[in-house]
């Protein structure tokens, strides 16, 4: 299971071990799907003092992240990535070393070190699941970055909105004789309005900033999908992508 940001929460939750039987998952699908309706308002809340101290998110992260500790800390109960019932990989971006940083359960870490040395680093085995969840969800301007060992980590969406490519390459290298099927489920998308030359040719800093973040996320996902389709030239590799169009009000 691989995930970025919200997908990282889902991946970690599905793979977290049961207290009664560590070979079985702690949560079922309905329980995981209910996390955001149940805890969303608490996660995205802030005290009046924090709002004042950060000038509403201008001078610091909009939320202090303590709600994530309060919610997921008791759920994960000190479990580490080595305890997960299936291999997991959560993505993040290391600001200190300027590279993709993977938080994973260890089974595929050798693949990362052998084939992506210098491009990707990883932490495995003894990293608390809670730390991994906080790192992959540390969205810039929303939540503070997360320290893990020698790494200073931000939300994996900065570099890998759709982590299918990382998961697919790891599976191909780890299982060279087997077929690989990657099922990628997105959180939904909005169709961005078309921009004419007459409009964009007159844009300055203000207009570009308004559209730049959305454009970067969109192109990030597009290039992942293009690369995954190219990998399907290998008869062993199959890619299924599900990402529904969302209504404008969402």
C-alpha atoms as a PDB file:
ATOM      1  CA  UNK A   1       0.000   0.000   0.000  1.00  0.00           C
ATOM      2  CA  UNK A   2       1.418   3.376  -1.011  1.00  0.00           C
ATOM      3  CA  UNK A   3      -0.053   6.749  -0.165  1.00  0.00           C
ATOM      4  CA  UNK A   4       0.536  10.484  -0.206  1.00  0.00           C
ATOM      5  CA  UNK A   5      -1.061  12.930   2.239  1.00  0.00           C
ATOM      6  CA  UNK A   6      -4.685  11.782   2.711  1.00  0.00           C
ATOM      7  CA  UNK A   7      -3.753   8.591   0.851  1.00  0.00           C
ATOM      8  CA  UNK A   8      -0.970   8.114   3.375  1.00  0.00           C
ATOM      9  CA  UNK A   9      -3.464   8.245   6.237  1.00  0.00           C
ATOM     10  CA  UNK A  10      -5.593   5.638   4.474  1.00  0.00           C
ATOM     11  CA  UNK A  11      -2.649   3.348   3.657  1.00  0.00           C
ATOM     12  CA  UNK A  12      -1.307   3.480   7.221  1.00  0.00           C
ATOM     13  CA  UNK A  13      -4.759   2.903   8.697  1.00  0.00           C
ATOM     14  CA  UNK A  14      -5.526  -0.096   6.492  1.00  0.00           C
ATOM     15  CA  UNK A  15      -2.144  -1.624   7.356  1.00  0.00           C
ATOM     16  CA  UNK A  16      -2.124  -0.902  11.103  1.00  0.00           C
ATOM     17  CA  UNK A  17      -2.112  -4.164  13.109  1.00  0.00           C
ATOM     18  CA  UNK A  18      -4.892  -5.278  15.413  1.00  0.00           C
ATOM     19  CA  UNK A  19      -4.184  -5.306  19.139  1.00  0.00           C
ATOM     20  CA  UNK A  20      -5.702  -8.778  19.479  1.00  0.00           C
ATOM     21  CA  UNK A  21      -4.067 -10.349  16.403  1.00  0.00           C
ATOM     22  CA  UNK A  22      -1.089  -8.441  14.925  1.00  0.00           C
ATOM     23  CA  UNK A  23      -1.400 -10.386  11.663  1.00  0.00           C
ATOM     24  CA  UNK A  24      -4.796  -8.791  11.002  1.00  0.00           C
ATOM     25  CA  UNK A  25      -5.694  -5.128  10.360  1.00  0.00           C
ATOM     26  CA  UNK A  26      -6.915  -2.975  13.231  1.00  0.00           C
ATOM     27  CA  UNK A  27      -9.588  -1.167  11.194  1.00  0.00           C
ATOM     28  CA  UNK A  28     -12.093  -2.275   8.592  1.00  0.00           C
ATOM     29  CA  UNK A  29     -12.903  -0.275   5.454  1.00  0.00           C
ATOM     30  CA  UNK A  30     -15.983   1.400   6.936  1.00  0.00           C
ATOM     31  CA  UNK A  31     -14.026   2.583   9.973  1.00  0.00           C
ATOM     32  CA  UNK A  32     -11.239   4.056   7.837  1.00  0.00           C
ATOM     33  CA  UNK A  33     -13.737   5.760   5.508  1.00  0.00           C
ATOM     34  CA  UNK A  34     -15.332   7.357   8.567  1.00  0.00           C
ATOM     35  CA  UNK A  35     -12.154   9.042   9.821  1.00  0.00           C
ATOM     36  CA  UNK A  36     -12.600  12.335   7.964  1.00  0.00           C
ATOM     37  CA  UNK A  37     -16.336  12.783   8.661  1.00  0.00           C
ATOM     38  CA  UNK A  38     -15.645  11.998  12.319  1.00  0.00           C
ATOM     39  CA  UNK A  39     -12.360  13.828  12.893  1.00  0.00           C
ATOM     40  CA  UNK A  40     -12.028  16.301  10.001  1.00  0.00           C
ATOM     41  CA  UNK A  41     -13.305  19.328  11.898  1.00  0.00           C
ATOM     42  CA  UNK A  42     -10.961  18.528  14.793  1.00  0.00           C
ATOM     43  CA  UNK A  43      -7.910  18.080  12.543  1.00  0.00           C
ATOM     44  CA  UNK A  44      -8.547  21.371  10.757  1.00  0.00           C
ATOM     45  CA  UNK A  45      -9.137  23.473  13.851  1.00  0.00           C
ATOM     46  CA  UNK A  46      -6.935  25.932  15.708  1.00  0.00           C
ATOM     47  CA  UNK A  47      -6.944  27.866  18.918  1.00  0.00           C
ATOM     48  CA  UNK A  48      -7.500  31.608  18.962  1.00  0.00           C
ATOM     49  CA  UNK A  49      -3.974  32.123  20.307  1.00  0.00           C
ATOM     50  CA  UNK A  50      -2.455  30.099  17.456  1.00  0.00           C
ATOM     51  CA  UNK A  51      -4.465  32.057  14.891  1.00  0.00           C
ATOM     52  CA  UNK A  52      -3.226  35.332  16.405  1.00  0.00           C
ATOM     53  CA  UNK A  53       0.398  34.164  16.719  1.00  0.00           C
ATOM     54  CA  UNK A  54       0.526  33.087  13.070  1.00  0.00           C
ATOM     55  CA  UNK A  55      -1.553  36.008  11.775  1.00  0.00           C
ATOM     56  CA  UNK A  56      -4.073  33.549  10.421  1.00  0.00           C
ATOM     57  CA  UNK A  57      -1.413  31.374   8.786  1.00  0.00           C
ATOM     58  CA  UNK A  58       0.675  34.176   7.248  1.00  0.00           C
ATOM     59  CA  UNK A  59       3.549  33.988   9.761  1.00  0.00           C
ATOM     60  CA  UNK A  60       3.365  30.263  10.554  1.00  0.00           C
ATOM     61  CA  UNK A  61       1.460  27.073   9.755  1.00  0.00           C
ATOM     62  CA  UNK A  62      -2.306  27.549   9.804  1.00  0.00           C
ATOM     63  CA  UNK A  63      -2.755  24.563  12.164  1.00  0.00           C
ATOM     64  CA  UNK A  64      -0.352  23.355  14.855  1.00  0.00           C
ATOM     65  CA  UNK A  65      -0.860  19.640  14.112  1.00  0.00           C
ATOM     66  CA  UNK A  66      -1.506  18.619  17.715  1.00  0.00           C
ATOM     67  CA  UNK A  67      -4.943  17.268  16.790  1.00  0.00           C
ATOM     68  CA  UNK A  68      -3.299  14.600  14.639  1.00  0.00           C
ATOM     69  CA  UNK A  69      -1.330  13.412  17.671  1.00  0.00           C
ATOM     70  CA  UNK A  70      -4.462  13.326  19.816  1.00  0.00           C
ATOM     71  CA  UNK A  71      -6.511  11.427  17.218  1.00  0.00           C
ATOM     72  CA  UNK A  72      -4.061   8.998  15.660  1.00  0.00           C
ATOM     73  CA  UNK A  73      -1.685   8.579  18.605  1.00  0.00           C
ATOM     74  CA  UNK A  74      -4.073   6.383  20.621  1.00  0.00           C
ATOM     75  CA  UNK A  75      -5.162   4.557  17.464  1.00  0.00           C
ATOM     76  CA  UNK A  76      -1.632   3.561  16.487  1.00  0.00           C
ATOM     77  CA  UNK A  77      -0.559   2.954  20.105  1.00  0.00           C
ATOM     78  CA  UNK A  78       3.169   3.224  19.519  1.00  0.00           C
ATOM     79  CA  UNK A  79       3.187   0.843  16.544  1.00  0.00           C
ATOM     80  CA  UNK A  80       6.013   1.226  14.016  1.00  0.00           C
ATOM     81  CA  UNK A  81       6.146   0.616  10.283  1.00  0.00           C
ATOM     82  CA  UNK A  82       7.665  -2.823  10.835  1.00  0.00           C
ATOM     83  CA  UNK A  83       4.409  -3.846  12.555  1.00  0.00           C
ATOM     84  CA  UNK A  84       2.137  -3.245   9.551  1.00  0.00           C
ATOM     85  CA  UNK A  85       0.182  -6.252   8.280  1.00  0.00           C
ATOM     86  CA  UNK A  86       1.179  -5.515   4.655  1.00  0.00           C
ATOM     87  CA  UNK A  87       4.098  -3.506   3.229  1.00  0.00           C
ATOM     88  CA  UNK A  88       3.400   0.237   3.178  1.00  0.00           C
ATOM     89  CA  UNK A  89       5.138   3.236   1.644  1.00  0.00           C
ATOM     90  CA  UNK A  90       4.256   6.830   2.508  1.00  0.00           C
ATOM     91  CA  UNK A  91       5.836   9.671   0.558  1.00  0.00           C
ATOM     92  CA  UNK A  92       7.312  12.914   1.837  1.00  0.00           C
ATOM     93  CA  UNK A  93       9.760  15.621   0.782  1.00  0.00           C
ATOM     94  CA  UNK A  94      12.924  16.257   2.795  1.00  0.00           C
ATOM     95  CA  UNK A  95      13.735  19.954   2.907  1.00  0.00           C
ATOM     96  CA  UNK A  96      17.160  19.342   4.465  1.00  0.00           C
ATOM     97  CA  UNK A  97      18.485  16.901   1.869  1.00  0.00           C
ATOM     98  CA  UNK A  98      16.286  18.165  -0.997  1.00  0.00           C
ATOM     99  CA  UNK A  99      15.001  14.780  -2.084  1.00  0.00           C
ATOM    100  CA  UNK A 100      12.000  12.473  -2.040  1.00  0.00           C
ATOM    101  CA  UNK A 101      11.877  10.619   1.270  1.00  0.00           C
ATOM    102  CA  UNK A 102       9.931   7.388   1.632  1.00  0.00           C
ATOM    103  CA  UNK A 103       8.628   6.109   4.953  1.00  0.00           C
ATOM    104  CA  UNK A 104       8.140   2.409   4.430  1.00  0.00           C
ATOM    105  CA  UNK A 105       7.820  -0.912   6.171  1.00  0.00           C
ATOM    106  CA  UNK A 106      11.200  -2.141   4.961  1.00  0.00           C
ATOM    107  CA  UNK A 107      10.385  -4.921   2.503  1.00  0.00           C
ATOM    108  CA  UNK A 108      11.181  -2.803  -0.543  1.00  0.00           C
ATOM    109  CA  UNK A 109      13.758  -0.416   0.926  1.00  0.00           C
ATOM    110  CA  UNK A 110      16.610  -2.352  -0.711  1.00  0.00           C
ATOM    111  CA  UNK A 111      15.047  -1.554  -4.081  1.00  0.00           C
ATOM    112  CA  UNK A 112      15.132   2.145  -3.292  1.00  0.00           C
ATOM    113  CA  UNK A 113      18.761   2.132  -2.198  1.00  0.00           C
ATOM    114  CA  UNK A 114      19.939   0.049  -5.173  1.00  0.00           C
ATOM    115  CA  UNK A 115      18.133   1.735  -8.047  1.00  0.00           C
ATOM    116  CA  UNK A 116      17.339   5.245  -6.833  1.00  0.00           C
ATOM    117  CA  UNK A 117      20.448   6.064  -4.818  1.00  0.00           C
ATOM    118  CA  UNK A 118      20.996   9.798  -4.649  1.00  0.00           C
ATOM    119  CA  UNK A 119      17.465  10.552  -5.829  1.00  0.00           C
ATOM    120  CA  UNK A 120      15.377   9.023  -3.052  1.00  0.00           C
ATOM    121  CA  UNK A 121      16.076   8.311   0.617  1.00  0.00           C
ATOM    122  CA  UNK A 122      14.016   6.174   2.949  1.00  0.00           C
ATOM    123  CA  UNK A 123      13.280   5.439   6.588  1.00  0.00           C
ATOM    124  CA  UNK A 124      11.961   2.052   7.560  1.00  0.00           C
ATOM    125  CA  UNK A 125      11.286  -0.484  10.280  1.00  0.00           C
ATOM    126  CA  UNK A 126      11.414   1.510  13.522  1.00  0.00           C
ATOM    127  CA  UNK A 127       9.653   4.695  12.389  1.00  0.00           C
ATOM    128  CA  UNK A 128       6.411   5.173  14.359  1.00  0.00           C
ATOM    129  CA  UNK A 129       3.334   4.957  12.149  1.00  0.00           C
ATOM    130  CA  UNK A 130       2.195   8.237  13.719  1.00  0.00           C
ATOM    131  CA  UNK A 131       5.400   9.991  12.604  1.00  0.00           C
ATOM    132  CA  UNK A 132       4.975   8.663   9.066  1.00  0.00           C
ATOM    133  CA  UNK A 133       1.368   9.871   8.949  1.00  0.00           C
ATOM    134  CA  UNK A 134       2.321  13.332  10.220  1.00  0.00           C
ATOM    135  CA  UNK A 135       5.149  13.611   7.679  1.00  0.00           C
ATOM    136  CA  UNK A 136       3.132  12.656   4.614  1.00  0.00           C
ATOM    137  CA  UNK A 137       0.339  15.065   5.648  1.00  0.00           C
ATOM    138  CA  UNK A 138       2.552  18.045   6.602  1.00  0.00           C
ATOM    139  CA  UNK A 139       1.073  20.226   3.856  1.00  0.00           C
ATOM    140  CA  UNK A 140       3.013  23.490   3.358  1.00  0.00           C
ATOM    141  CA  UNK A 141       1.325  26.478   5.060  1.00  0.00           C
ATOM    142  CA  UNK A 142      -1.217  24.166   6.757  1.00  0.00           C
ATOM    143  CA  UNK A 143       0.844  21.987   9.130  1.00  0.00           C
ATOM    144  CA  UNK A 144       4.400  22.207  10.527  1.00  0.00           C
ATOM    145  CA  UNK A 145       7.142  20.074   9.030  1.00  0.00           C
ATOM    146  CA  UNK A 146       8.084  16.858  10.837  1.00  0.00           C
ATOM    147  CA  UNK A 147      11.506  15.809  12.123  1.00  0.00           C
ATOM    148  CA  UNK A 148      12.388  12.138  11.637  1.00  0.00           C
ATOM    149  CA  UNK A 149      15.997  11.266  12.392  1.00  0.00           C
ATOM    150  CA  UNK A 150      18.199  13.453  10.190  1.00  0.00           C
ATOM    151  CA  UNK A 151      15.279  14.460   7.973  1.00  0.00           C
ATOM    152  CA  UNK A 152      13.001  17.499   7.941  1.00  0.00           C
ATOM    153  CA  UNK A 153       9.855  16.321   6.172  1.00  0.00           C
ATOM    154  CA  UNK A 154       6.934  17.949   4.384  1.00  0.00           C
ATOM    155  CA  UNK A 155       3.833  16.569   2.665  1.00  0.00           C
ATOM    156  CA  UNK A 156       4.622  14.055  -0.082  1.00  0.00           C
ATOM    157  CA  UNK A 157       2.218  15.886  -2.379  1.00  0.00           C
ATOM    158  CA  UNK A 158       4.991  18.417  -2.978  1.00  0.00           C
ATOM    159  CA  UNK A 159       6.653  15.890  -5.292  1.00  0.00           C
ATOM    160  CA  UNK A 160       4.371  12.869  -5.643  1.00  0.00           C
ATOM    161  CA  UNK A 161       0.650  13.601  -5.624  1.00  0.00           C
ATOM    162  CA  UNK A 162       0.072  10.127  -7.055  1.00  0.00           C
ATOM    163  CA  UNK A 163       2.626   7.655  -5.605  1.00  0.00           C
ATOM    164  CA  UNK A 164       1.739   4.918  -8.109  1.00  0.00           C
ATOM    165  CA  UNK A 165       5.029   5.286  -9.970  1.00  0.00           C
ATOM    166  CA  UNK A 166       7.095   4.687  -6.835  1.00  0.00           C
ATOM    167  CA  UNK A 167       4.956   1.710  -5.816  1.00  0.00           C
ATOM    168  CA  UNK A 168       4.948   0.248  -9.326  1.00  0.00           C
ATOM    169  CA  UNK A 169       8.713   0.490  -9.803  1.00  0.00           C
ATOM    170  CA  UNK A 170       9.366  -1.064  -6.406  1.00  0.00           C
ATOM    171  CA  UNK A 171       7.048  -3.967  -7.206  1.00  0.00           C
ATOM    172  CA  UNK A 172       8.611  -4.535 -10.640  1.00  0.00           C
ATOM    173  CA  UNK A 173      12.135  -4.613  -9.238  1.00  0.00           C
ATOM    174  CA  UNK A 174      11.242  -6.734  -6.215  1.00  0.00           C
ATOM    175  CA  UNK A 175       9.217  -9.274  -8.239  1.00  0.00           C
ATOM    176  CA  UNK A 176      10.860  -9.444 -11.691  1.00  0.00           C
ATOM    177  CA  UNK A 177       9.171 -12.720 -12.643  1.00  0.00           C
ATOM    178  CA  UNK A 178       5.619 -11.776 -11.653  1.00  0.00           C
ATOM    179  CA  UNK A 179       2.870  -9.650 -13.163  1.00  0.00           C
ATOM    180  CA  UNK A 180       2.275  -6.347 -11.381  1.00  0.00           C
ATOM    181  CA  UNK A 181      -1.142  -4.703 -11.121  1.00  0.00           C
ATOM    182  CA  UNK A 182      -1.282  -1.178  -9.691  1.00  0.00           C
ATOM    183  CA  UNK A 183      -4.698   0.077  -8.582  1.00  0.00           C
ATOM    184  CA  UNK A 184      -4.515   3.831  -8.037  1.00  0.00           C
ATOM    185  CA  UNK A 185      -7.442   5.599  -6.348  1.00  0.00           C
ATOM    186  CA  UNK A 186      -7.423   9.389  -6.279  1.00  0.00           C
ATOM    187  CA  UNK A 187      -9.360  11.741  -4.020  1.00  0.00           C
ATOM    188  CA  UNK A 188     -11.221  13.337  -6.934  1.00  0.00           C
ATOM    189  CA  UNK A 189     -10.489  16.242  -9.251  1.00  0.00           C
ATOM    190  CA  UNK A 190     -11.998  19.463 -10.539  1.00  0.00           C
ATOM    191  CA  UNK A 191     -11.805  20.368 -14.207  1.00  0.00           C
ATOM    192  CA  UNK A 192      -9.729  23.535 -14.389  1.00  0.00           C
ATOM    193  CA  UNK A 193     -11.093  26.224 -16.704  1.00  0.00           C
ATOM    194  CA  UNK A 194      -9.380  26.627 -20.057  1.00  0.00           C
ATOM    195  CA  UNK A 195      -7.132  29.679 -20.319  1.00  0.00           C
ATOM    196  CA  UNK A 196      -6.823  31.525 -23.610  1.00  0.00           C
ATOM    197  CA  UNK A 197      -3.643  33.048 -24.995  1.00  0.00           C
ATOM    198  CA  UNK A 198      -5.274  36.467 -24.811  1.00  0.00           C
ATOM    199  CA  UNK A 199      -5.641  36.009 -21.044  1.00  0.00           C
ATOM    200  CA  UNK A 200      -2.361  34.315 -20.090  1.00  0.00           C
ATOM    201  CA  UNK A 201      -0.149  36.529 -22.251  1.00  0.00           C
ATOM    202  CA  UNK A 202      -1.048  39.446 -19.973  1.00  0.00           C
ATOM    203  CA  UNK A 203      -0.532  37.650 -16.660  1.00  0.00           C
ATOM    204  CA  UNK A 204       1.821  39.003 -14.035  1.00  0.00           C
ATOM    205  CA  UNK A 205       2.872  37.695 -10.622  1.00  0.00           C
ATOM    206  CA  UNK A 206      -0.589  37.971  -9.065  1.00  0.00           C
ATOM    207  CA  UNK A 207      -2.356  36.065 -11.846  1.00  0.00           C
ATOM    208  CA  UNK A 208       0.284  33.339 -12.067  1.00  0.00           C
ATOM    209  CA  UNK A 209       0.316  32.783  -8.301  1.00  0.00           C
ATOM    210  CA  UNK A 210      -3.446  32.331  -8.367  1.00  0.00           C
ATOM    211  CA  UNK A 211      -3.192  29.377 -10.760  1.00  0.00           C
ATOM    212  CA  UNK A 212       0.352  28.098 -10.217  1.00  0.00           C
ATOM    213  CA  UNK A 213      -0.198  25.713  -7.277  1.00  0.00           C
ATOM    214  CA  UNK A 214      -3.141  24.008  -8.948  1.00  0.00           C
ATOM    215  CA  UNK A 215      -1.200  23.777 -12.199  1.00  0.00           C
ATOM    216  CA  UNK A 216       1.800  22.164 -10.507  1.00  0.00           C
ATOM    217  CA  UNK A 217      -0.380  19.538  -8.822  1.00  0.00           C
ATOM    218  CA  UNK A 218      -2.213  18.844 -12.076  1.00  0.00           C
ATOM    219  CA  UNK A 219       0.968  18.445 -14.128  1.00  0.00           C
ATOM    220  CA  UNK A 220       2.501  16.267 -11.399  1.00  0.00           C
ATOM    221  CA  UNK A 221      -0.431  13.855 -11.623  1.00  0.00           C
ATOM    222  CA  UNK A 222      -0.493  14.001 -15.421  1.00  0.00           C
ATOM    223  CA  UNK A 223       3.173  13.055 -15.780  1.00  0.00           C
ATOM    224  CA  UNK A 224       2.723  10.154 -13.362  1.00  0.00           C
ATOM    225  CA  UNK A 225      -0.202   8.859 -15.419  1.00  0.00           C
ATOM    226  CA  UNK A 226       1.769   9.253 -18.656  1.00  0.00           C
ATOM    227  CA  UNK A 227       4.756   7.363 -17.219  1.00  0.00           C
ATOM    228  CA  UNK A 228       2.540   4.603 -15.850  1.00  0.00           C
ATOM    229  CA  UNK A 229       0.927   4.151 -19.258  1.00  0.00           C
ATOM    230  CA  UNK A 230       4.376   3.906 -20.833  1.00  0.00           C
ATOM    231  CA  UNK A 231       5.320   1.203 -18.333  1.00  0.00           C
ATOM    232  CA  UNK A 232       2.369  -0.818 -19.614  1.00  0.00           C
ATOM    233  CA  UNK A 233       4.482  -1.523 -22.688  1.00  0.00           C
ATOM    234  CA  UNK A 234       5.846  -4.278 -20.454  1.00  0.00           C
ATOM    235  CA  UNK A 235       3.236  -7.032 -20.663  1.00  0.00           C
ATOM    236  CA  UNK A 236       3.759  -7.789 -16.968  1.00  0.00           C
ATOM    237  CA  UNK A 237       2.661  -4.318 -15.879  1.00  0.00           C
ATOM    238  CA  UNK A 238      -0.957  -3.176 -15.565  1.00  0.00           C
ATOM    239  CA  UNK A 239      -2.190   0.212 -14.326  1.00  0.00           C
ATOM    240  CA  UNK A 240      -5.753   1.009 -13.244  1.00  0.00           C
ATOM    241  CA  UNK A 241      -6.484   4.622 -12.297  1.00  0.00           C
ATOM    242  CA  UNK A 242      -9.729   5.762 -10.642  1.00  0.00           C
ATOM    243  CA  UNK A 243     -10.162   9.481  -9.965  1.00  0.00           C
ATOM    244  CA  UNK A 244     -13.692  10.854 -10.229  1.00  0.00           C
ATOM    245  CA  UNK A 245     -14.668  14.373 -11.264  1.00  0.00           C
ATOM    246  CA  UNK A 246     -15.994  16.328  -8.297  1.00  0.00           C
ATOM    247  CA  UNK A 247     -18.945  18.716  -8.391  1.00  0.00           C
ATOM    248  CA  UNK A 248     -18.011  22.420  -8.151  1.00  0.00           C
ATOM    249  CA  UNK A 249     -19.377  22.783  -4.614  1.00  0.00           C
ATOM    250  CA  UNK A 250     -16.821  20.298  -3.179  1.00  0.00           C
END
